[in-house]
Amino acid sequence: MTDTPANAPKPEPAEGEPAVPNAAVPEAAPDPAALAKEAADLKDRLLRTLAEMENLRRRTEREVAESRAYGVASFARDILAVSDNMARALQTLRAELKERADPGVKALLDGVELTERELDKVLEKHGVRKFEPQPREKFDPNLHQAMYEVQDSALPAGTVAQVVQAGYMIGERMLRPALVAVAKGGPKPVPEPAANANAAPPDPAG
């Protein structure tokens, strides 16, 4: 067996035989424009996803808050019927009858009044507020429900003449409108004149 010297020349490839490359051919460099476009697309998708997640979080928080505030609306409306019955029962008793009642009956009436006040406090604790329109207050269909009209020339037409039943709000929403009687036949409310800065002052000489 003959050893080949290390510095011996390498044999030339035979004719027609492909030459063996000495090193791998380097790959083409990526296009910077394509990379920038891909990065911009990924960034846009990320921003859209983050915005959608933020909107979902806010919507969920709002729905949870509304559920807490208004979830008892149906129950509160039913409780108002109980409160109304208690108020009617107390209104049927005149003050002089209560004063002449024996101690047992008077204590019972005092207990009913106390229960009514406690019921109002519990409702208010859960966001249910009672409101009663004042006489001469302008009728507002968003707050009031007209039951009948009252001929009263002392009251401006279209204003509250009597309160039949108090109204209730729950949070910022109407739970039950106030039942009122509306005045008619009186003078119409006079609208306030609009201020005119360009109007000339009256001539004192007439």
C-alpha atoms as a PDB file:
ATOM      1  CA  MET A   1       0.000   0.000   0.000  1.00  0.00           C
ATOM      2  CA  THR A   2       1.441   3.328  -1.123  1.00  0.00           C
ATOM      3  CA  ASP A   3       1.011   6.384   1.112  1.00  0.00           C
ATOM      4  CA  THR A   4       0.054   9.596  -0.644  1.00  0.00           C
ATOM      5  CA  PRO A   5       2.085  12.594   0.499  1.00  0.00           C
ATOM      6  CA  ALA A   6       0.078  15.361   2.183  1.00  0.00           C
ATOM      7  CA  ASN A   7       1.429  17.965  -0.213  1.00  0.00           C
ATOM      8  CA  ALA A   8       0.710  15.915  -3.270  1.00  0.00           C
ATOM      9  CA  PRO A   9      -1.420  17.727  -5.873  1.00  0.00           C
ATOM     10  CA  LYS A  10      -5.084  16.742  -5.980  1.00  0.00           C
ATOM     11  CA  PRO A  11      -6.128  14.885  -9.058  1.00  0.00           C
ATOM     12  CA  GLU A  12      -8.089  16.799 -11.638  1.00  0.00           C
ATOM     13  CA  PRO A  13     -11.677  15.623 -12.152  1.00  0.00           C
ATOM     14  CA  ALA A  14     -12.206  13.518 -15.188  1.00  0.00           C
ATOM     15  CA  GLU A  15     -13.788  15.066 -18.222  1.00  0.00           C
ATOM     16  CA  GLY A  16     -17.585  15.255 -17.823  1.00  0.00           C
ATOM     17  CA  GLU A  17     -17.471  14.693 -14.022  1.00  0.00           C
ATOM     18  CA  PRO A  18     -18.961  17.597 -11.945  1.00  0.00           C
ATOM     19  CA  ALA A  19     -16.568  19.381  -9.742  1.00  0.00           C
ATOM     20  CA  VAL A  20     -17.119  19.100  -5.976  1.00  0.00           C
ATOM     21  CA  PRO A  21     -17.489  22.580  -4.446  1.00  0.00           C
ATOM     22  CA  ASN A  22     -14.994  23.431  -1.783  1.00  0.00           C
ATOM     23  CA  ALA A  23     -17.485  25.586   0.264  1.00  0.00           C
ATOM     24  CA  ALA A  24     -21.313  26.039   0.563  1.00  0.00           C
ATOM     25  CA  VAL A  25     -22.879  28.816  -1.503  1.00  0.00           C
ATOM     26  CA  PRO A  26     -24.211  31.604   0.853  1.00  0.00           C
ATOM     27  CA  GLU A  27     -28.048  32.148   0.901  1.00  0.00           C
ATOM     28  CA  ALA A  28     -29.517  35.383  -0.413  1.00  0.00           C
ATOM     29  CA  ALA A  29     -30.041  38.113   2.258  1.00  0.00           C
ATOM     30  CA  PRO A  30     -33.736  38.762   3.219  1.00  0.00           C
ATOM     31  CA  ASP A  31     -35.413  41.754   1.667  1.00  0.00           C
ATOM     32  CA  PRO A  32     -35.508  44.651   4.222  1.00  0.00           C
ATOM     33  CA  ALA A  33     -38.722  45.990   2.724  1.00  0.00           C
ATOM     34  CA  ALA A  34     -40.477  42.640   3.161  1.00  0.00           C
ATOM     35  CA  LEU A  35     -39.268  42.384   6.761  1.00  0.00           C
ATOM     36  CA  ALA A  36     -40.494  45.901   7.513  1.00  0.00           C
ATOM     37  CA  LYS A  37     -43.918  45.139   6.015  1.00  0.00           C
ATOM     38  CA  GLU A  38     -44.221  41.936   8.042  1.00  0.00           C
ATOM     39  CA  ALA A  39     -43.234  43.762  11.240  1.00  0.00           C
ATOM     40  CA  ALA A  40     -45.783  46.500  10.530  1.00  0.00           C
ATOM     41  CA  ASP A  41     -48.521  43.893   9.979  1.00  0.00           C
ATOM     42  CA  LEU A  42     -47.676  42.131  13.234  1.00  0.00           C
ATOM     43  CA  LYS A  43     -47.654  45.424  15.122  1.00  0.00           C
ATOM     44  CA  ASP A  44     -51.048  46.377  13.670  1.00  0.00           C
ATOM     45  CA  ARG A  45     -52.526  43.008  14.693  1.00  0.00           C
ATOM     46  CA  LEU A  46     -51.103  43.385  18.189  1.00  0.00           C
ATOM     47  CA  LEU A  47     -52.543  46.889  18.607  1.00  0.00           C
ATOM     48  CA  ARG A  48     -55.949  45.762  17.355  1.00  0.00           C
ATOM     49  CA  THR A  49     -55.952  42.816  19.746  1.00  0.00           C
ATOM     50  CA  LEU A  50     -54.993  45.040  22.686  1.00  0.00           C
ATOM     51  CA  ALA A  51     -57.741  47.538  21.791  1.00  0.00           C
ATOM     52  CA  GLU A  52     -60.334  44.755  21.578  1.00  0.00           C
ATOM     53  CA  MET A  53     -59.246  43.374  24.951  1.00  0.00           C
ATOM     54  CA  GLU A  54     -59.471  46.836  26.527  1.00  0.00           C
ATOM     55  CA  ASN A  55     -62.963  47.377  25.089  1.00  0.00           C
ATOM     56  CA  LEU A  56     -64.013  43.962  26.374  1.00  0.00           C
ATOM     57  CA  ARG A  57     -62.658  44.765  29.840  1.00  0.00           C
ATOM     58  CA  ARG A  58     -64.502  48.083  29.984  1.00  0.00           C
ATOM     59  CA  ARG A  59     -67.736  46.552  28.709  1.00  0.00           C
ATOM     60  CA  THR A  60     -67.506  43.752  31.275  1.00  0.00           C
ATOM     61  CA  GLU A  61     -66.879  46.219  34.093  1.00  0.00           C
ATOM     62  CA  ARG A  62     -69.871  48.317  32.979  1.00  0.00           C
ATOM     63  CA  GLU A  63     -72.144  45.288  32.769  1.00  0.00           C
ATOM     64  CA  VAL A  64     -71.071  44.094  36.219  1.00  0.00           C
ATOM     65  CA  ALA A  65     -71.666  47.558  37.704  1.00  0.00           C
ATOM     66  CA  GLU A  66     -75.105  47.808  36.088  1.00  0.00           C
ATOM     67  CA  SER A  67     -75.981  44.325  37.280  1.00  0.00           C
ATOM     68  CA  ARG A  68     -75.088  45.303  40.830  1.00  0.00           C
ATOM     69  CA  ALA A  69     -76.993  48.578  40.647  1.00  0.00           C
ATOM     70  CA  TYR A  70     -80.111  47.462  38.792  1.00  0.00           C
ATOM     71  CA  GLY A  71     -80.258  43.742  39.480  1.00  0.00           C
ATOM     72  CA  VAL A  72     -82.667  44.335  42.372  1.00  0.00           C
ATOM     73  CA  ALA A  73     -85.033  46.497  40.319  1.00  0.00           C
ATOM     74  CA  SER A  74     -87.718  43.835  39.956  1.00  0.00           C
ATOM     75  CA  PHE A  75     -87.517  42.893  43.636  1.00  0.00           C
ATOM     76  CA  ALA A  76     -87.534  46.544  44.723  1.00  0.00           C
ATOM     77  CA  ARG A  77     -90.610  47.234  42.584  1.00  0.00           C
ATOM     78  CA  ASP A  78     -92.455  44.425  44.378  1.00  0.00           C
ATOM     79  CA  ILE A  79     -91.364  45.750  47.769  1.00  0.00           C
ATOM     80  CA  LEU A  80     -92.776  49.162  46.875  1.00  0.00           C
ATOM     81  CA  ALA A  81     -96.243  47.597  46.732  1.00  0.00           C
ATOM     82  CA  VAL A  82     -95.807  46.528  50.359  1.00  0.00           C
ATOM     83  CA  SER A  83     -94.645  50.022  51.310  1.00  0.00           C
ATOM     84  CA  ASP A  84     -97.642  51.565  49.536  1.00  0.00           C
ATOM     85  CA  ASN A  85    -100.070  49.365  51.441  1.00  0.00           C
ATOM     86  CA  MET A  86     -98.475  50.325  54.749  1.00  0.00           C
ATOM     87  CA  ALA A  87     -98.668  54.016  53.851  1.00  0.00           C
ATOM     88  CA  ARG A  88    -102.350  53.719  52.881  1.00  0.00           C
ATOM     89  CA  ALA A  89    -103.137  51.937  56.120  1.00  0.00           C
ATOM     90  CA  LEU A  90    -101.534  54.721  58.122  1.00  0.00           C
ATOM     91  CA  GLN A  91    -103.225  57.470  56.106  1.00  0.00           C
ATOM     92  CA  THR A  92    -106.668  56.079  56.817  1.00  0.00           C
ATOM     93  CA  LEU A  93    -106.178  56.743  60.515  1.00  0.00           C
ATOM     94  CA  ARG A  94    -106.650  60.320  61.518  1.00  0.00           C
ATOM     95  CA  ALA A  95    -104.349  61.874  64.064  1.00  0.00           C
ATOM     96  CA  GLU A  96    -107.181  62.378  66.559  1.00  0.00           C
ATOM     97  CA  LEU A  97    -108.158  58.712  66.344  1.00  0.00           C
ATOM     98  CA  LYS A  98    -104.600  57.738  67.073  1.00  0.00           C
ATOM     99  CA  GLU A  99    -104.516  60.021  70.078  1.00  0.00           C
ATOM    100  CA  ARG A 100    -107.735  58.481  71.462  1.00  0.00           C
ATOM    101  CA  ALA A 101    -106.610  54.931  70.850  1.00  0.00           C
ATOM    102  CA  ASP A 102    -105.729  52.723  73.808  1.00  0.00           C
ATOM    103  CA  PRO A 103    -102.032  52.140  74.533  1.00  0.00           C
ATOM    104  CA  GLY A 104    -101.989  48.748  72.822  1.00  0.00           C
ATOM    105  CA  VAL A 105    -103.375  50.042  69.528  1.00  0.00           C
ATOM    106  CA  LYS A 106    -101.190  53.134  69.675  1.00  0.00           C
ATOM    107  CA  ALA A 107     -98.092  50.974  70.187  1.00  0.00           C
ATOM    108  CA  LEU A 108     -99.138  48.881  67.179  1.00  0.00           C
ATOM    109  CA  LEU A 109     -99.485  51.972  65.001  1.00  0.00           C
ATOM    110  CA  ASP A 110     -96.132  53.281  66.174  1.00  0.00           C
ATOM    111  CA  GLY A 111     -94.596  49.951  65.216  1.00  0.00           C
ATOM    112  CA  VAL A 112     -96.114  50.124  61.734  1.00  0.00           C
ATOM    113  CA  GLU A 113     -94.735  53.642  61.257  1.00  0.00           C
ATOM    114  CA  LEU A 114     -91.309  52.507  62.419  1.00  0.00           C
ATOM    115  CA  THR A 115     -91.415  49.564  60.032  1.00  0.00           C
ATOM    116  CA  GLU A 116     -92.310  51.888  57.169  1.00  0.00           C
ATOM    117  CA  ARG A 117     -89.341  54.159  57.928  1.00  0.00           C
ATOM    118  CA  GLU A 118     -86.988  51.186  58.193  1.00  0.00           C
ATOM    119  CA  LEU A 119     -88.244  49.884  54.864  1.00  0.00           C
ATOM    120  CA  ASP A 120     -87.462  53.233  53.234  1.00  0.00           C
ATOM    121  CA  LYS A 121     -83.957  53.131  54.712  1.00  0.00           C
ATOM    122  CA  VAL A 122     -83.333  49.620  53.370  1.00  0.00           C
ATOM    123  CA  LEU A 123     -84.503  50.637  49.906  1.00  0.00           C
ATOM    124  CA  GLU A 124     -82.284  53.716  49.971  1.00  0.00           C
ATOM    125  CA  LYS A 125     -79.340  51.573  51.078  1.00  0.00           C
ATOM    126  CA  HIS A 126     -79.730  49.564  47.871  1.00  0.00           C
ATOM    127  CA  GLY A 127     -79.909  52.629  45.641  1.00  0.00           C
ATOM    128  CA  VAL A 128     -83.695  53.131  45.608  1.00  0.00           C
ATOM    129  CA  ARG A 129     -84.550  56.792  46.224  1.00  0.00           C
ATOM    130  CA  LYS A 130     -88.003  58.204  46.883  1.00  0.00           C
ATOM    131  CA  PHE A 131     -89.046  61.524  45.352  1.00  0.00           C
ATOM    132  CA  GLU A 132     -92.225  63.546  45.640  1.00  0.00           C
ATOM    133  CA  PRO A 133     -93.007  66.395  43.225  1.00  0.00           C
ATOM    134  CA  GLN A 134     -93.837  69.749  44.737  1.00  0.00           C
ATOM    135  CA  PRO A 135     -96.989  71.751  43.939  1.00  0.00           C
ATOM    136  CA  ARG A 136     -96.520  74.167  41.027  1.00  0.00           C
ATOM    137  CA  GLU A 137     -93.668  72.003  39.755  1.00  0.00           C
ATOM    138  CA  LYS A 138     -93.796  71.694  35.972  1.00  0.00           C
ATOM    139  CA  PHE A 139     -95.181  68.368  34.800  1.00  0.00           C
ATOM    140  CA  ASP A 140     -92.374  66.176  33.443  1.00  0.00           C
ATOM    141  CA  PRO A 141     -93.451  63.019  31.566  1.00  0.00           C
ATOM    142  CA  ASN A 142     -90.044  61.504  32.308  1.00  0.00           C
ATOM    143  CA  LEU A 143     -90.723  61.687  36.057  1.00  0.00           C
ATOM    144  CA  HIS A 144     -94.489  62.006  36.436  1.00  0.00           C
ATOM    145  CA  GLN A 145     -97.545  60.101  35.324  1.00  0.00           C
ATOM    146  CA  ALA A 146    -100.730  62.179  35.054  1.00  0.00           C
ATOM    147  CA  MET A 147    -103.746  60.544  36.684  1.00  0.00           C
ATOM    148  CA  TYR A 148    -106.290  63.314  36.199  1.00  0.00           C
ATOM    149  CA  GLU A 149    -106.592  67.078  35.764  1.00  0.00           C
ATOM    150  CA  VAL A 150    -107.597  69.611  38.405  1.00  0.00           C
ATOM    151  CA  GLN A 151    -109.330  72.907  37.652  1.00  0.00           C
ATOM    152  CA  ASP A 152    -107.349  75.352  39.763  1.00  0.00           C
ATOM    153  CA  SER A 153    -106.866  78.913  38.541  1.00  0.00           C
ATOM    154  CA  ALA A 154    -104.339  79.559  41.290  1.00  0.00           C
ATOM    155  CA  LEU A 155    -101.868  77.130  39.711  1.00  0.00           C
ATOM    156  CA  PRO A 156    -100.201  77.535  36.328  1.00  0.00           C
ATOM    157  CA  ALA A 157    -101.559  75.163  33.720  1.00  0.00           C
ATOM    158  CA  GLY A 158     -99.424  72.086  33.166  1.00  0.00           C
ATOM    159  CA  THR A 159     -98.004  72.029  36.688  1.00  0.00           C
ATOM    160  CA  VAL A 160     -98.387  69.509  39.508  1.00  0.00           C
ATOM    161  CA  ALA A 161    -101.510  70.166  41.556  1.00  0.00           C
ATOM    162  CA  GLN A 162    -101.530  67.064  43.791  1.00  0.00           C
ATOM    163  CA  VAL A 163     -99.312  64.063  44.417  1.00  0.00           C
ATOM    164  CA  VAL A 164    -101.267  60.814  44.389  1.00  0.00           C
ATOM    165  CA  GLN A 165     -98.274  58.515  44.865  1.00  0.00           C
ATOM    166  CA  ALA A 166     -94.577  59.183  45.324  1.00  0.00           C
ATOM    167  CA  GLY A 167     -92.095  58.094  42.669  1.00  0.00           C
ATOM    168  CA  TYR A 168     -88.890  56.117  43.023  1.00  0.00           C
ATOM    169  CA  MET A 169     -85.537  56.107  41.236  1.00  0.00           C
ATOM    170  CA  ILE A 170     -82.978  53.312  41.255  1.00  0.00           C
ATOM    171  CA  GLY A 171     -79.555  54.669  40.502  1.00  0.00           C
ATOM    172  CA  GLU A 172     -80.027  56.960  37.505  1.00  0.00           C
ATOM    173  CA  ARG A 173     -83.035  55.060  36.165  1.00  0.00           C
ATOM    174  CA  MET A 174     -86.732  55.426  36.762  1.00  0.00           C
ATOM    175  CA  LEU A 175     -88.125  52.647  38.929  1.00  0.00           C
ATOM    176  CA  ARG A 176     -91.640  54.046  39.221  1.00  0.00           C
ATOM    177  CA  PRO A 177     -92.948  57.454  38.129  1.00  0.00           C
ATOM    178  CA  ALA A 178     -94.795  59.672  40.574  1.00  0.00           C
ATOM    179  CA  LEU A 179     -98.565  59.668  40.115  1.00  0.00           C
ATOM    180  CA  VAL A 180     -99.810  63.251  40.048  1.00  0.00           C
ATOM    181  CA  ALA A 181    -102.804  65.424  39.263  1.00  0.00           C
ATOM    182  CA  VAL A 182    -102.108  68.168  36.737  1.00  0.00           C
ATOM    183  CA  ALA A 183    -103.532  71.682  36.994  1.00  0.00           C
ATOM    184  CA  LYS A 184    -105.496  73.151  34.111  1.00  0.00           C
ATOM    185  CA  GLY A 185    -107.282  76.399  33.483  1.00  0.00           C
ATOM    186  CA  GLY A 186    -104.776  78.605  35.275  1.00  0.00           C
ATOM    187  CA  PRO A 187    -102.318  80.999  33.664  1.00  0.00           C
ATOM    188  CA  LYS A 188     -99.712  79.399  31.493  1.00  0.00           C
ATOM    189  CA  PRO A 189     -96.124  79.556  32.776  1.00  0.00           C
ATOM    190  CA  VAL A 190     -94.440  82.654  31.392  1.00  0.00           C
ATOM    191  CA  PRO A 191     -91.150  81.783  29.694  1.00  0.00           C
ATOM    192  CA  GLU A 192     -88.173  83.839  30.755  1.00  0.00           C
ATOM    193  CA  PRO A 193     -87.264  86.395  28.074  1.00  0.00           C
ATOM    194  CA  ALA A 194     -83.974  85.787  26.358  1.00  0.00           C
ATOM    195  CA  ALA A 195     -81.319  88.355  27.162  1.00  0.00           C
ATOM    196  CA  ASN A 196     -80.488  90.584  24.182  1.00  0.00           C
ATOM    197  CA  ALA A 197     -77.126  92.230  24.532  1.00  0.00           C
ATOM    198  CA  ASN A 198     -77.725  94.364  21.434  1.00  0.00           C
ATOM    199  CA  ALA A 199     -81.034  95.828  22.642  1.00  0.00           C
ATOM    200  CA  ALA A 200     -80.932  99.569  23.146  1.00  0.00           C
ATOM    201  CA  PRO A 201     -81.733 100.861  26.668  1.00  0.00           C
ATOM    202  CA  PRO A 202     -85.151 102.466  27.095  1.00  0.00           C
ATOM    203  CA  ASP A 203     -85.307 106.229  26.540  1.00  0.00           C
ATOM    204  CA  PRO A 204     -86.091 107.887  29.883  1.00  0.00           C
ATOM    205  CA  ALA A 205     -87.709 110.781  28.018  1.00  0.00           C
ATOM    206  CA  GLY A 206     -90.266 108.392  26.615  1.00  0.00           C
END
